Amino acid sequence: MKKCSAKELKILGDFWTLTIIQELSEGNKRFSELERVISGISPTTLANRLKKLEINNLIKREKEKIDKLSIIYSLTNKGHGILPVLSQIRVFADKYL
């Protein structure tokens, strides 16, 4: 089995990153919605994580069609590819933690 590289772990290993991906797996969300549902995350941290996820093509950032000032975040196909990994992490946690 191929080992995870430092780059992969650096992207996904940041605190809050997998939580953000999990929230976006439930549907597109605005910044304020993510801030509300992810208890304890600071606006600065959320903004930094979203930027990093966007740079790595795991999420996309788009202007809302109705209100051009609002930004909507959603998972890309690459971002959706992480969801089975999150599912397995949950299975492991339920069983062993």
C-alpha atoms as a PDB file:
ATOM      1  CA  MET A   1       0.000   0.000   0.000  1.00  0.00           C
ATOM      2  CA  LYS A   2       1.276   3.484  -0.905  1.00  0.00           C
ATOM      3  CA  LYS A   3       2.087   5.702   2.077  1.00  0.00           C
ATOM      4  CA  CYS A   4       0.501   9.128   2.535  1.00  0.00           C
ATOM      5  CA  SER A   5       2.874  11.903   1.627  1.00  0.00           C
ATOM      6  CA  ALA A   6       3.572  14.881   3.852  1.00  0.00           C
ATOM      7  CA  LYS A   7       1.692  17.072   1.365  1.00  0.00           C
ATOM      8  CA  GLU A   8      -1.489  14.994   1.644  1.00  0.00           C
ATOM      9  CA  LEU A   9      -1.302  14.905   5.406  1.00  0.00           C
ATOM     10  CA  LYS A  10      -0.589  18.629   5.569  1.00  0.00           C
ATOM     11  CA  ILE A  11      -3.763  19.396   3.616  1.00  0.00           C
ATOM     12  CA  LEU A  12      -6.085  17.024   5.456  1.00  0.00           C
ATOM     13  CA  GLY A  13      -4.360  17.014   8.817  1.00  0.00           C
ATOM     14  CA  ASP A  14      -5.147  20.611   9.738  1.00  0.00           C
ATOM     15  CA  PHE A  15      -7.539  20.894  12.633  1.00  0.00           C
ATOM     16  CA  TRP A  16     -11.061  21.676  11.326  1.00  0.00           C
ATOM     17  CA  THR A  17     -10.386  20.646   7.709  1.00  0.00           C
ATOM     18  CA  LEU A  18     -12.215  17.317   7.837  1.00  0.00           C
ATOM     19  CA  THR A  19     -15.061  18.945   9.783  1.00  0.00           C
ATOM     20  CA  ILE A  20     -15.471  21.538   7.033  1.00  0.00           C
ATOM     21  CA  ILE A  21     -15.474  18.821   4.369  1.00  0.00           C
ATOM     22  CA  GLN A  22     -18.055  16.854   6.365  1.00  0.00           C
ATOM     23  CA  GLU A  23     -20.322  19.904   6.625  1.00  0.00           C
ATOM     24  CA  LEU A  24     -20.038  20.632   2.903  1.00  0.00           C
ATOM     25  CA  SER A  25     -20.860  16.989   2.132  1.00  0.00           C
ATOM     26  CA  GLU A  26     -24.355  17.778   3.430  1.00  0.00           C
ATOM     27  CA  GLY A  27     -24.789  20.572   0.891  1.00  0.00           C
ATOM     28  CA  ASN A  28     -23.535  23.949  -0.230  1.00  0.00           C
ATOM     29  CA  LYS A  29     -23.079  26.514   2.512  1.00  0.00           C
ATOM     30  CA  ARG A  30     -22.245  30.171   2.994  1.00  0.00           C
ATOM     31  CA  PHE A  31     -19.387  31.249   5.248  1.00  0.00           C
ATOM     32  CA  SER A  32     -21.833  32.328   7.966  1.00  0.00           C
ATOM     33  CA  GLU A  33     -23.591  28.937   7.844  1.00  0.00           C
ATOM     34  CA  LEU A  34     -20.291  27.093   8.242  1.00  0.00           C
ATOM     35  CA  GLU A  35     -19.315  29.396  11.077  1.00  0.00           C
ATOM     36  CA  ARG A  36     -22.624  28.661  12.823  1.00  0.00           C
ATOM     37  CA  VAL A  37     -22.600  24.869  12.450  1.00  0.00           C
ATOM     38  CA  ILE A  38     -18.915  24.364  13.284  1.00  0.00           C
ATOM     39  CA  SER A  39     -18.917  25.255  16.938  1.00  0.00           C
ATOM     40  CA  GLY A  40     -15.663  26.734  18.214  1.00  0.00           C
ATOM     41  CA  ILE A  41     -14.024  27.689  14.922  1.00  0.00           C
ATOM     42  CA  SER A  42     -12.837  31.290  14.643  1.00  0.00           C
ATOM     43  CA  PRO A  43     -13.663  33.302  11.504  1.00  0.00           C
ATOM     44  CA  THR A  44      -9.956  33.643  10.716  1.00  0.00           C
ATOM     45  CA  THR A  45      -9.343  29.894  10.978  1.00  0.00           C
ATOM     46  CA  LEU A  46     -12.415  29.117   8.882  1.00  0.00           C
ATOM     47  CA  ALA A  47     -11.307  31.580   6.191  1.00  0.00           C
ATOM     48  CA  ASN A  48      -7.784  30.121   6.156  1.00  0.00           C
ATOM     49  CA  ARG A  49      -9.005  26.527   5.908  1.00  0.00           C
ATOM     50  CA  LEU A  50     -11.492  27.375   3.150  1.00  0.00           C
ATOM     51  CA  LYS A  51      -8.746  29.135   1.173  1.00  0.00           C
ATOM     52  CA  LYS A  52      -6.418  26.148   1.560  1.00  0.00           C
ATOM     53  CA  LEU A  53      -9.149  23.712   0.497  1.00  0.00           C
ATOM     54  CA  GLU A  54      -9.944  25.880  -2.517  1.00  0.00           C
ATOM     55  CA  ILE A  55      -6.282  26.127  -3.552  1.00  0.00           C
ATOM     56  CA  ASN A  56      -6.065  22.326  -3.402  1.00  0.00           C
ATOM     57  CA  ASN A  57      -9.246  21.971  -5.488  1.00  0.00           C
ATOM     58  CA  LEU A  58     -11.208  20.194  -2.740  1.00  0.00           C
ATOM     59  CA  ILE A  59     -13.891  22.881  -2.584  1.00  0.00           C
ATOM     60  CA  LYS A  60     -15.111  25.574  -4.928  1.00  0.00           C
ATOM     61  CA  ARG A  61     -16.112  29.111  -4.084  1.00  0.00           C
ATOM     62  CA  GLU A  62     -18.836  30.695  -6.199  1.00  0.00           C
ATOM     63  CA  LYS A  63     -20.901  33.858  -6.098  1.00  0.00           C
ATOM     64  CA  GLU A  64     -24.526  33.082  -5.389  1.00  0.00           C
ATOM     65  CA  LYS A  65     -26.731  33.492  -8.460  1.00  0.00           C
ATOM     66  CA  ILE A  66     -29.426  35.543  -6.718  1.00  0.00           C
ATOM     67  CA  ASP A  67     -27.338  37.654  -4.345  1.00  0.00           C
ATOM     68  CA  LYS A  68     -24.026  38.341  -6.104  1.00  0.00           C
ATOM     69  CA  LEU A  69     -22.460  39.478  -2.794  1.00  0.00           C
ATOM     70  CA  SER A  70     -22.935  36.089  -1.140  1.00  0.00           C
ATOM     71  CA  ILE A  71     -20.358  33.357  -1.607  1.00  0.00           C
ATOM     72  CA  ILE A  72     -21.344  29.696  -1.628  1.00  0.00           C
ATOM     73  CA  TYR A  73     -18.864  26.913  -0.838  1.00  0.00           C
ATOM     74  CA  SER A  74     -19.284  23.381  -2.148  1.00  0.00           C
ATOM     75  CA  LEU A  75     -17.241  20.223  -2.585  1.00  0.00           C
ATOM     76  CA  THR A  76     -15.569  19.486  -5.896  1.00  0.00           C
ATOM     77  CA  ASN A  77     -15.384  15.952  -7.305  1.00  0.00           C
ATOM     78  CA  LYS A  78     -11.970  15.697  -5.657  1.00  0.00           C
ATOM     79  CA  GLY A  79     -13.522  16.798  -2.350  1.00  0.00           C
ATOM     80  CA  HIS A  80     -16.253  14.173  -2.682  1.00  0.00           C
ATOM     81  CA  GLY A  81     -13.482  11.587  -3.066  1.00  0.00           C
ATOM     82  CA  ILE A  82     -12.510  12.108   0.581  1.00  0.00           C
ATOM     83  CA  LEU A  83     -15.961  11.167   1.911  1.00  0.00           C
ATOM     84  CA  PRO A  84     -15.327   7.389   1.953  1.00  0.00           C
ATOM     85  CA  VAL A  85     -12.202   8.075   4.031  1.00  0.00           C
ATOM     86  CA  LEU A  86     -14.270  10.123   6.496  1.00  0.00           C
ATOM     87  CA  SER A  87     -16.762   7.288   6.692  1.00  0.00           C
ATOM     88  CA  GLN A  88     -14.004   4.826   7.572  1.00  0.00           C
ATOM     89  CA  ILE A  89     -12.617   7.186  10.214  1.00  0.00           C
ATOM     90  CA  ARG A  90     -16.102   7.266  11.790  1.00  0.00           C
ATOM     91  CA  VAL A  91     -16.302   3.469  11.739  1.00  0.00           C
ATOM     92  CA  PHE A  92     -12.899   3.242  13.410  1.00  0.00           C
ATOM     93  CA  ALA A  93     -13.830   5.856  16.029  1.00  0.00           C
ATOM     94  CA  ASP A  94     -17.120   4.144  16.846  1.00  0.00           C
ATOM     95  CA  LYS A  95     -15.374   0.829  17.265  1.00  0.00           C
ATOM     96  CA  TYR A  96     -12.197   1.819  19.096  1.00  0.00           C
ATOM     97  CA  LEU A  97     -12.528   5.284  20.626  1.00  0.00           C
END
